[in-house]
Amino acid sequence: MEKHCSNCFNGTALGLCMKDGVQAEYPNKGVCTDWETNDIYQINGYENRNDYLQAMADEYDCPLETVSELADILGAEEDFDGLISSLEDYEVIQ
């Protein structure tokens, strides 16, 4: 798993650094010396995407199968935005 420092985390795994707000290539082929995972689920306190989806199913009292299907339709890039909006809508119509 590619890792980088918290100073240059910009939500991508493209080997780019946003330290001091200036885009630059990572030293040492994409690896900084101040290590932190770039896995968005781990950054937010979950083991992985499956753990996150299970937590969302629990939080919104929605069947895991429904959460997983919504997540598949929306794509992983919407896990922390579009999926949450959809689950909030689900909560209202239940």
PDB file of N, CA and C in Angstrom:
ATOM      1  N   MET A   1       0.847  -1.173   0.000  1.00  0.00           N
ATOM      2  CA  MET A   1       0.000   0.000   0.000  1.00  0.00           C
ATOM      3  C   MET A   1       0.890   1.233   0.000  1.00  0.00           C
ATOM      4  N   GLU A   2       0.589   2.168  -0.889  1.00  0.00           N
ATOM      5  CA  GLU A   2       1.357   3.402  -0.943  1.00  0.00           C
ATOM      6  C   GLU A   2       1.074   4.233   0.297  1.00  0.00           C
ATOM      7  N   LYS A   3       2.096   4.829   0.833  1.00  0.00           N
ATOM      8  CA  LYS A   3       1.933   5.650   2.027  1.00  0.00           C
ATOM      9  C   LYS A   3       2.567   7.008   1.799  1.00  0.00           C
ATOM     10  N   HIS A   4       2.132   7.954   2.570  1.00  0.00           N
ATOM     11  CA  HIS A   4       2.711   9.280   2.499  1.00  0.00           C
ATOM     12  C   HIS A   4       2.399  10.032   3.767  1.00  0.00           C
ATOM     13  N   CYS A   5       2.971  11.196   3.911  1.00  0.00           N
ATOM     14  CA  CYS A   5       2.797  11.952   5.143  1.00  0.00           C
ATOM     15  C   CYS A   5       1.483  12.714   5.160  1.00  0.00           C
ATOM     16  N   SER A   6       1.074  13.099   6.346  1.00  0.00           N
ATOM     17  CA  SER A   6      -0.187  13.823   6.480  1.00  0.00           C
ATOM     18  C   SER A   6      -0.095  15.214   5.854  1.00  0.00           C
ATOM     19  N   ASN A   7       1.099  15.743   5.712  1.00  0.00           N
ATOM     20  CA  ASN A   7       1.255  17.055   5.084  1.00  0.00           C
ATOM     21  C   ASN A   7       0.914  17.035   3.604  1.00  0.00           C
ATOM     22  N   CYS A   8       1.113  15.886   2.953  1.00  0.00           N
ATOM     23  CA  CYS A   8       0.912  15.870   1.512  1.00  0.00           C
ATOM     24  C   CYS A   8      -0.249  14.998   1.087  1.00  0.00           C
ATOM     25  N   PHE A   9      -1.047  14.510   2.019  1.00  0.00           N
ATOM     26  CA  PHE A   9      -2.203  13.713   1.629  1.00  0.00           C
ATOM     27  C   PHE A   9      -3.210  14.605   0.932  1.00  0.00           C
ATOM     28  N   ASN A  10      -3.542  14.256  -0.304  1.00  0.00           N
ATOM     29  CA  ASN A  10      -4.535  15.040  -1.035  1.00  0.00           C
ATOM     30  C   ASN A  10      -5.659  14.155  -1.553  1.00  0.00           C
ATOM     31  N   GLY A  11      -5.822  12.972  -0.978  1.00  0.00           N
ATOM     32  CA  GLY A  11      -6.925  12.107  -1.352  1.00  0.00           C
ATOM     33  C   GLY A  11      -6.680  11.296  -2.607  1.00  0.00           C
ATOM     34  N   THR A  12      -5.460  11.295  -3.105  1.00  0.00           N
ATOM     35  CA  THR A  12      -5.171  10.513  -4.302  1.00  0.00           C
ATOM     36  C   THR A  12      -3.987   9.606  -4.050  1.00  0.00           C
ATOM     37  N   ALA A  13      -3.807   8.674  -4.921  1.00  0.00           N
ATOM     38  CA  ALA A  13      -2.637   7.794  -4.854  1.00  0.00           C
ATOM     39  C   ALA A  13      -1.820   7.983  -6.127  1.00  0.00           C
ATOM     40  N   LEU A  14      -1.703   9.224  -6.572  1.00  0.00           N
ATOM     41  CA  LEU A  14      -1.039   9.511  -7.832  1.00  0.00           C
ATOM     42  C   LEU A  14       0.445   9.812  -7.683  1.00  0.00           C
ATOM     43  N   GLY A  15       0.947   9.724  -6.473  1.00  0.00           N
ATOM     44  CA  GLY A  15       2.349  10.049  -6.268  1.00  0.00           C
ATOM     45  C   GLY A  15       2.607  11.547  -6.318  1.00  0.00           C
ATOM     46  N   LEU A  16       1.609  12.332  -5.953  1.00  0.00           N
ATOM     47  CA  LEU A  16       1.763  13.782  -5.942  1.00  0.00           C
ATOM     48  C   LEU A  16       1.718  14.289  -4.516  1.00  0.00           C
ATOM     49  N   CYS A  17       2.434  15.355  -4.270  1.00  0.00           N
ATOM     50  CA  CYS A  17       2.488  15.949  -2.943  1.00  0.00           C
ATOM     51  C   CYS A  17       1.862  17.334  -2.995  1.00  0.00           C
ATOM     52  N   MET A  18       1.058  17.644  -1.976  1.00  0.00           N
ATOM     53  CA  MET A  18       0.455  18.971  -1.898  1.00  0.00           C
ATOM     54  C   MET A  18       1.008  19.735  -0.699  1.00  0.00           C
ATOM     55  N   LYS A  19       2.198  19.388  -0.259  1.00  0.00           N
ATOM     56  CA  LYS A  19       2.803  20.047   0.886  1.00  0.00           C
ATOM     57  C   LYS A  19       2.899  21.553   0.628  1.00  0.00           C
ATOM     58  N   ASP A  20       2.511  22.324   1.609  1.00  0.00           N
ATOM     59  CA  ASP A  20       2.521  23.779   1.509  1.00  0.00           C
ATOM     60  C   ASP A  20       1.649  24.280   0.357  1.00  0.00           C
ATOM     61  N   GLY A  21       0.677  23.455  -0.076  1.00  0.00           N
ATOM     62  CA  GLY A  21      -0.235  23.861  -1.133  1.00  0.00           C
ATOM     63  C   GLY A  21       0.366  23.882  -2.522  1.00  0.00           C
ATOM     64  N   VAL A  22       1.580  23.349  -2.665  1.00  0.00           N
ATOM     65  CA  VAL A  22       2.245  23.328  -3.962  1.00  0.00           C
ATOM     66  C   VAL A  22       2.359  21.884  -4.426  1.00  0.00           C
ATOM     67  N   GLN A  23       1.836  21.615  -5.616  1.00  0.00           N
ATOM     68  CA  GLN A  23       1.904  20.250  -6.129  1.00  0.00           C
ATOM     69  C   GLN A  23       3.321  19.939  -6.579  1.00  0.00           C
ATOM     70  N   ALA A  24       3.849  18.819  -6.124  1.00  0.00           N
ATOM     71  CA  ALA A  24       5.184  18.387  -6.510  1.00  0.00           C
ATOM     72  C   ALA A  24       5.223  16.879  -6.453  1.00  0.00           C
ATOM     73  N   GLU A  25       6.124  16.263  -7.179  1.00  0.00           N
ATOM     74  CA  GLU A  25       6.231  14.813  -7.120  1.00  0.00           C
ATOM     75  C   GLU A  25       6.873  14.415  -5.802  1.00  0.00           C
ATOM     76  N   TYR A  26       6.442  13.236  -5.308  1.00  0.00           N
ATOM     77  CA  TYR A  26       7.028  12.716  -4.080  1.00  0.00           C
ATOM     78  C   TYR A  26       8.517  12.461  -4.264  1.00  0.00           C
ATOM     79  N   PRO A  27       9.276  12.691  -3.223  1.00  0.00           N
ATOM     80  CA  PRO A  27      10.655  12.217  -3.257  1.00  0.00           C
ATOM     81  C   PRO A  27      10.633  10.688  -3.157  1.00  0.00           C
ATOM     82  N   ASN A  28      11.661  10.037  -3.569  1.00  0.00           N
ATOM     83  CA  ASN A  28      11.791   8.577  -3.458  1.00  0.00           C
ATOM     84  C   ASN A  28      10.618   7.829  -4.097  1.00  0.00           C
ATOM     85  N   LYS A  29      10.217   8.254  -5.273  1.00  0.00           N
ATOM     86  CA  LYS A  29       9.180   7.575  -6.056  1.00  0.00           C
ATOM     87  C   LYS A  29       7.862   7.437  -5.320  1.00  0.00           C
ATOM     88  N   GLY A  30       7.393   8.491  -4.743  1.00  0.00           N
ATOM     89  CA  GLY A  30       6.063   8.480  -4.156  1.00  0.00           C
ATOM     90  C   GLY A  30       5.998   8.128  -2.689  1.00  0.00           C
ATOM     91  N   VAL A  31       7.123   8.090  -2.004  1.00  0.00           N
ATOM     92  CA  VAL A  31       7.101   7.736  -0.591  1.00  0.00           C
ATOM     93  C   VAL A  31       7.733   8.850   0.226  1.00  0.00           C
ATOM     94  N   CYS A  32       7.010   9.357   1.190  1.00  0.00           N
ATOM     95  CA  CYS A  32       7.555  10.358   2.110  1.00  0.00           C
ATOM     96  C   CYS A  32       8.138   9.644   3.325  1.00  0.00           C
ATOM     97  N   THR A  33       8.836  10.383   4.153  1.00  0.00           N
ATOM     98  CA  THR A  33       9.459   9.762   5.323  1.00  0.00           C
ATOM     99  C   THR A  33       8.542   9.756   6.537  1.00  0.00           C
ATOM    100  N   ASP A  34       7.540  10.629   6.578  1.00  0.00           N
ATOM    101  CA  ASP A  34       6.585  10.681   7.675  1.00  0.00           C
ATOM    102  C   ASP A  34       5.396   9.815   7.274  1.00  0.00           C
ATOM    103  N   TRP A  35       5.392   8.547   7.687  1.00  0.00           N
ATOM    104  CA  TRP A  35       4.470   7.551   7.150  1.00  0.00           C
ATOM    105  C   TRP A  35       3.076   7.625   7.736  1.00  0.00           C
ATOM    106  N   GLU A  36       2.108   7.545   6.863  1.00  0.00           N
ATOM    107  CA  GLU A  36       0.713   7.460   7.249  1.00  0.00           C
ATOM    108  C   GLU A  36      -0.016   6.792   6.080  1.00  0.00           C
ATOM    109  N   THR A  37      -0.979   5.954   6.363  1.00  0.00           N
ATOM    110  CA  THR A  37      -1.670   5.271   5.286  1.00  0.00           C
ATOM    111  C   THR A  37      -2.493   6.244   4.465  1.00  0.00           C
ATOM    112  N   ASN A  38      -2.657   5.946   3.173  1.00  0.00           N
ATOM    113  CA  ASN A  38      -3.529   6.767   2.347  1.00  0.00           C
ATOM    114  C   ASN A  38      -4.857   6.062   2.093  1.00  0.00           C
ATOM    115  N   ASP A  39      -5.144   5.005   2.830  1.00  0.00           N
ATOM    116  CA  ASP A  39      -6.415   4.299   2.702  1.00  0.00           C
ATOM    117  C   ASP A  39      -7.492   5.125   3.392  1.00  0.00           C
ATOM    118  N   ILE A  40      -8.412   5.661   2.630  1.00  0.00           N
ATOM    119  CA  ILE A  40      -9.422   6.576   3.145  1.00  0.00           C
ATOM    120  C   ILE A  40     -10.266   5.934   4.244  1.00  0.00           C
ATOM    121  N   TYR A  41     -10.486   4.645   4.169  1.00  0.00           N
ATOM    122  CA  TYR A  41     -11.284   3.957   5.194  1.00  0.00           C
ATOM    123  C   TYR A  41     -10.512   3.896   6.508  1.00  0.00           C
ATOM    124  N   GLN A  42      -9.214   3.598   6.445  1.00  0.00           N
ATOM    125  CA  GLN A  42      -8.394   3.554   7.652  1.00  0.00           C
ATOM    126  C   GLN A  42      -8.225   4.946   8.245  1.00  0.00           C
ATOM    127  N   ILE A  43      -8.092   5.943   7.408  1.00  0.00           N
ATOM    128  CA  ILE A  43      -7.976   7.318   7.889  1.00  0.00           C
ATOM    129  C   ILE A  43      -9.207   7.696   8.701  1.00  0.00           C
ATOM    130  N   ASN A  44     -10.366   7.164   8.295  1.00  0.00           N
ATOM    131  CA  ASN A  44     -11.624   7.467   8.973  1.00  0.00           C
ATOM    132  C   ASN A  44     -11.988   6.455  10.054  1.00  0.00           C
ATOM    133  N   GLY A  45     -11.051   5.578  10.405  1.00  0.00           N
ATOM    134  CA  GLY A  45     -11.245   4.693  11.545  1.00  0.00           C
ATOM    135  C   GLY A  45     -11.841   3.325  11.247  1.00  0.00           C
ATOM    136  N   TYR A  46     -11.888   2.937   9.990  1.00  0.00           N
ATOM    137  CA  TYR A  46     -12.423   1.631   9.606  1.00  0.00           C
ATOM    138  C   TYR A  46     -11.288   0.758   9.092  1.00  0.00           C
ATOM    139  N   GLU A  47     -11.450  -0.556   9.212  1.00  0.00           N
ATOM    140  CA  GLU A  47     -10.406  -1.471   8.732  1.00  0.00           C
ATOM    141  C   GLU A  47     -10.288  -1.441   7.217  1.00  0.00           C
ATOM    142  N   ASN A  48     -11.417  -1.383   6.523  1.00  0.00           N
ATOM    143  CA  ASN A  48     -11.456  -1.433   5.070  1.00  0.00           C
ATOM    144  C   ASN A  48     -12.853  -1.017   4.610  1.00  0.00           C
ATOM    145  N   ARG A  49     -13.102  -1.119   3.325  1.00  0.00           N
ATOM    146  CA  ARG A  49     -14.405  -0.699   2.799  1.00  0.00           C
ATOM    147  C   ARG A  49     -15.537  -1.559   3.350  1.00  0.00           C
ATOM    148  N   ASN A  50     -15.333  -2.850   3.447  1.00  0.00           N
ATOM    149  CA  ASN A  50     -16.378  -3.727   3.980  1.00  0.00           C
ATOM    150  C   ASN A  50     -16.745  -3.356   5.412  1.00  0.00           C
ATOM    151  N   ASP A  51     -15.742  -3.060   6.220  1.00  0.00           N
ATOM    152  CA  ASP A  51     -15.977  -2.638   7.598  1.00  0.00           C
ATOM    153  C   ASP A  51     -16.771  -1.329   7.615  1.00  0.00           C
ATOM    154  N   TYR A  52     -16.417  -0.411   6.723  1.00  0.00           N
ATOM    155  CA  TYR A  52     -17.128   0.859   6.612  1.00  0.00           C
ATOM    156  C   TYR A  52     -18.586   0.639   6.218  1.00  0.00           C
ATOM    157  N   LEU A  53     -18.827  -0.187   5.212  1.00  0.00           N
ATOM    158  CA  LEU A  53     -20.200  -0.434   4.762  1.00  0.00           C
ATOM    159  C   LEU A  53     -21.030  -1.083   5.863  1.00  0.00           C
ATOM    160  N   GLN A  54     -20.433  -2.001   6.620  1.00  0.00           N
ATOM    161  CA  GLN A  54     -21.139  -2.623   7.740  1.00  0.00           C
ATOM    162  C   GLN A  54     -21.492  -1.567   8.791  1.00  0.00           C
ATOM    163  N   ALA A  55     -20.559  -0.671   9.066  1.00  0.00           N
ATOM    164  CA  ALA A  55     -20.817   0.391  10.048  1.00  0.00           C
ATOM    165  C   ALA A  55     -21.943   1.304   9.577  1.00  0.00           C
ATOM    166  N   MET A  56     -21.978   1.607   8.273  1.00  0.00           N
ATOM    167  CA  MET A  56     -23.048   2.449   7.745  1.00  0.00           C
ATOM    168  C   MET A  56     -24.396   1.725   7.809  1.00  0.00           C
ATOM    169  N   ALA A  57     -24.393   0.424   7.550  1.00  0.00           N
ATOM    170  CA  ALA A  57     -25.626  -0.364   7.670  1.00  0.00           C
ATOM    171  C   ALA A  57     -26.142  -0.310   9.103  1.00  0.00           C
ATOM    172  N   ASP A  58     -25.242  -0.441  10.052  1.00  0.00           N
ATOM    173  CA  ASP A  58     -25.628  -0.378  11.468  1.00  0.00           C
ATOM    174  C   ASP A  58     -26.116   1.015  11.849  1.00  0.00           C
ATOM    175  N   GLU A  59     -25.377   2.037  11.426  1.00  0.00           N
ATOM    176  CA  GLU A  59     -25.710   3.407  11.798  1.00  0.00           C
ATOM    177  C   GLU A  59     -27.063   3.857  11.241  1.00  0.00           C
ATOM    178  N   TYR A  60     -27.355   3.450  10.015  1.00  0.00           N
ATOM    179  CA  TYR A  60     -28.605   3.886   9.375  1.00  0.00           C
ATOM    180  C   TYR A  60     -29.700   2.827   9.437  1.00  0.00           C
ATOM    181  N   ASP A  61     -29.459   1.771  10.216  1.00  0.00           N
ATOM    182  CA  ASP A  61     -30.433   0.699  10.388  1.00  0.00           C
ATOM    183  C   ASP A  61     -30.973   0.226   9.036  1.00  0.00           C
ATOM    184  N   CYS A  62     -30.030  -0.069   8.169  1.00  0.00           N
ATOM    185  CA  CYS A  62     -30.326  -0.468   6.802  1.00  0.00           C
ATOM    186  C   CYS A  62     -29.649  -1.823   6.555  1.00  0.00           C
ATOM    187  N   PRO A  63     -30.308  -2.746   5.879  1.00  0.00           N
ATOM    188  CA  PRO A  63     -29.675  -4.047   5.623  1.00  0.00           C
ATOM    189  C   PRO A  63     -28.347  -3.880   4.878  1.00  0.00           C
ATOM    190  N   LEU A  64     -27.357  -4.651   5.276  1.00  0.00           N
ATOM    191  CA  LEU A  64     -26.036  -4.579   4.643  1.00  0.00           C
ATOM    192  C   LEU A  64     -26.141  -4.805   3.137  1.00  0.00           C
ATOM    193  N   GLU A  65     -27.010  -5.698   2.726  1.00  0.00           N
ATOM    194  CA  GLU A  65     -27.179  -5.971   1.292  1.00  0.00           C
ATOM    195  C   GLU A  65     -27.600  -4.698   0.547  1.00  0.00           C
ATOM    196  N   THR A  66     -28.494  -3.927   1.129  1.00  0.00           N
ATOM    197  CA  THR A  66     -28.947  -2.681   0.518  1.00  0.00           C
ATOM    198  C   THR A  66     -27.812  -1.662   0.456  1.00  0.00           C
ATOM    199  N   VAL A  67     -27.082  -1.533   1.546  1.00  0.00           N
ATOM    200  CA  VAL A  67     -25.938  -0.611   1.587  1.00  0.00           C
ATOM    201  C   VAL A  67     -24.910  -1.005   0.529  1.00  0.00           C
ATOM    202  N   SER A  68     -24.608  -2.294   0.444  1.00  0.00           N
ATOM    203  CA  SER A  68     -23.622  -2.779  -0.530  1.00  0.00           C
ATOM    204  C   SER A  68     -24.073  -2.528  -1.960  1.00  0.00           C
ATOM    205  N   GLU A  69     -25.349  -2.753  -2.230  1.00  0.00           N
ATOM    206  CA  GLU A  69     -25.872  -2.506  -3.580  1.00  0.00           C
ATOM    207  C   GLU A  69     -25.800  -1.017  -3.934  1.00  0.00           C
ATOM    208  N   LEU A  70     -26.197  -0.169  -2.999  1.00  0.00           N
ATOM    209  CA  LEU A  70     -26.085   1.273  -3.232  1.00  0.00           C
ATOM    210  C   LEU A  70     -24.631   1.675  -3.471  1.00  0.00           C
ATOM    211  N   ALA A  71     -23.735   1.145  -2.664  1.00  0.00           N
ATOM    212  CA  ALA A  71     -22.315   1.465  -2.793  1.00  0.00           C
ATOM    213  C   ALA A  71     -21.773   1.011  -4.145  1.00  0.00           C
ATOM    214  N   ASP A  72     -22.210  -0.144  -4.607  1.00  0.00           N
ATOM    215  CA  ASP A  72     -21.767  -0.639  -5.918  1.00  0.00           C
ATOM    216  C   ASP A  72     -22.281   0.254  -7.047  1.00  0.00           C
ATOM    217  N   ILE A  73     -23.526   0.684  -6.936  1.00  0.00           N
ATOM    218  CA  ILE A  73     -24.114   1.550  -7.963  1.00  0.00           C
ATOM    219  C   ILE A  73     -23.412   2.904  -8.000  1.00  0.00           C
ATOM    220  N   LEU A  74     -23.181   3.485  -6.827  1.00  0.00           N
ATOM    221  CA  LEU A  74     -22.593   4.819  -6.742  1.00  0.00           C
ATOM    222  C   LEU A  74     -21.083   4.833  -6.983  1.00  0.00           C
ATOM    223  N   GLY A  75     -20.421   3.744  -6.635  1.00  0.00           N
ATOM    224  CA  GLY A  75     -18.967   3.681  -6.751  1.00  0.00           C
ATOM    225  C   GLY A  75     -18.282   4.142  -5.475  1.00  0.00           C
ATOM    226  N   ALA A  76     -17.085   3.661  -5.260  1.00  0.00           N
ATOM    227  CA  ALA A  76     -16.334   3.943  -4.030  1.00  0.00           C
ATOM    228  C   ALA A  76     -16.081   5.428  -3.825  1.00  0.00           C
ATOM    229  N   GLU A  77     -15.984   6.197  -4.923  1.00  0.00           N
ATOM    230  CA  GLU A  77     -15.711   7.629  -4.781  1.00  0.00           C
ATOM    231  C   GLU A  77     -16.861   8.372  -4.104  1.00  0.00           C
ATOM    232  N   GLU A  78     -18.026   7.740  -3.989  1.00  0.00           N
ATOM    233  CA  GLU A  78     -19.179   8.358  -3.341  1.00  0.00           C
ATOM    234  C   GLU A  78     -19.461   7.794  -1.945  1.00  0.00           C
ATOM    235  N   ASP A  79     -18.562   6.972  -1.425  1.00  0.00           N
ATOM    236  CA  ASP A  79     -18.808   6.331  -0.131  1.00  0.00           C
ATOM    237  C   ASP A  79     -19.032   7.318   1.006  1.00  0.00           C
ATOM    238  N   PHE A  80     -18.359   8.459   0.977  1.00  0.00           N
ATOM    239  CA  PHE A  80     -18.462   9.408   2.082  1.00  0.00           C
ATOM    240  C   PHE A  80     -19.340  10.613   1.748  1.00  0.00           C
ATOM    241  N   ASP A  81     -20.027  10.548   0.614  1.00  0.00           N
ATOM    242  CA  ASP A  81     -20.884  11.650   0.208  1.00  0.00           C
ATOM    243  C   ASP A  81     -22.215  11.120  -0.318  1.00  0.00           C
ATOM    244  N   GLY A  82     -22.225  10.652  -1.543  1.00  0.00           N
ATOM    245  CA  GLY A  82     -23.454  10.175  -2.165  1.00  0.00           C
ATOM    246  C   GLY A  82     -24.094   9.014  -1.438  1.00  0.00           C
ATOM    247  N   LEU A  83     -23.283   8.103  -0.942  1.00  0.00           N
ATOM    248  CA  LEU A  83     -23.825   6.965  -0.197  1.00  0.00           C
ATOM    249  C   LEU A  83     -24.517   7.436   1.073  1.00  0.00           C
ATOM    250  N   ILE A  84     -23.896   8.351   1.774  1.00  0.00           N
ATOM    251  CA  ILE A  84     -24.490   8.880   3.009  1.00  0.00           C
ATOM    252  C   ILE A  84     -25.817   9.578   2.700  1.00  0.00           C
ATOM    253  N   SER A  85     -25.846  10.373   1.646  1.00  0.00           N
ATOM    254  CA  SER A  85     -27.093  11.039   1.254  1.00  0.00           C
ATOM    255  C   SER A  85     -28.178  10.013   0.944  1.00  0.00           C
ATOM    256  N   SER A  86     -27.820   8.965   0.234  1.00  0.00           N
ATOM    257  CA  SER A  86     -28.781   7.907  -0.097  1.00  0.00           C
ATOM    258  C   SER A  86     -29.283   7.202   1.153  1.00  0.00           C
ATOM    259  N   LEU A  87     -28.387   6.959   2.104  1.00  0.00           N
ATOM    260  CA  LEU A  87     -28.794   6.294   3.340  1.00  0.00           C
ATOM    261  C   LEU A  87     -29.670   7.204   4.194  1.00  0.00           C
ATOM    262  N   GLU A  88     -29.406   8.496   4.167  1.00  0.00           N
ATOM    263  CA  GLU A  88     -30.272   9.435   4.872  1.00  0.00           C
ATOM    264  C   GLU A  88     -31.670   9.443   4.249  1.00  0.00           C
ATOM    265  N   ASP A  89     -31.728   9.377   2.924  1.00  0.00           N
ATOM    266  CA  ASP A  89     -33.016   9.287   2.229  1.00  0.00           C
ATOM    267  C   ASP A  89     -33.732   7.995   2.592  1.00  0.00           C
ATOM    268  N   TYR A  90     -32.976   6.908   2.644  1.00  0.00           N
ATOM    269  CA  TYR A  90     -33.546   5.603   3.015  1.00  0.00           C
ATOM    270  C   TYR A  90     -34.164   5.674   4.407  1.00  0.00           C
ATOM    271  N   GLU A  91     -33.443   6.331   5.294  1.00  0.00           N
ATOM    272  CA  GLU A  91     -33.891   6.459   6.675  1.00  0.00           C
ATOM    273  C   GLU A  91     -35.251   7.203   6.761  1.00  0.00           C
ATOM    274  N   VAL A  92     -35.402   8.224   5.922  1.00  0.00           N
ATOM    275  CA  VAL A  92     -36.612   9.032   5.916  1.00  0.00           C
ATOM    276  C   VAL A  92     -37.817   8.230   5.389  1.00  0.00           C
ATOM    277  N   ILE A  93     -37.590   7.427   4.356  1.00  0.00           N
ATOM    278  CA  ILE A  93     -38.715   6.701   3.747  1.00  0.00           C
ATOM    279  C   ILE A  93     -39.087   5.425   4.490  1.00  0.00           C
ATOM    280  N   GLN A  94     -38.330   5.057   5.475  1.00  0.00           N
ATOM    281  CA  GLN A  94     -38.641   3.844   6.229  1.00  0.00           C
ATOM    282  C   GLN A  94     -39.649   4.077   7.307  1.00  0.00           C
TER     283      GLN A  94
END
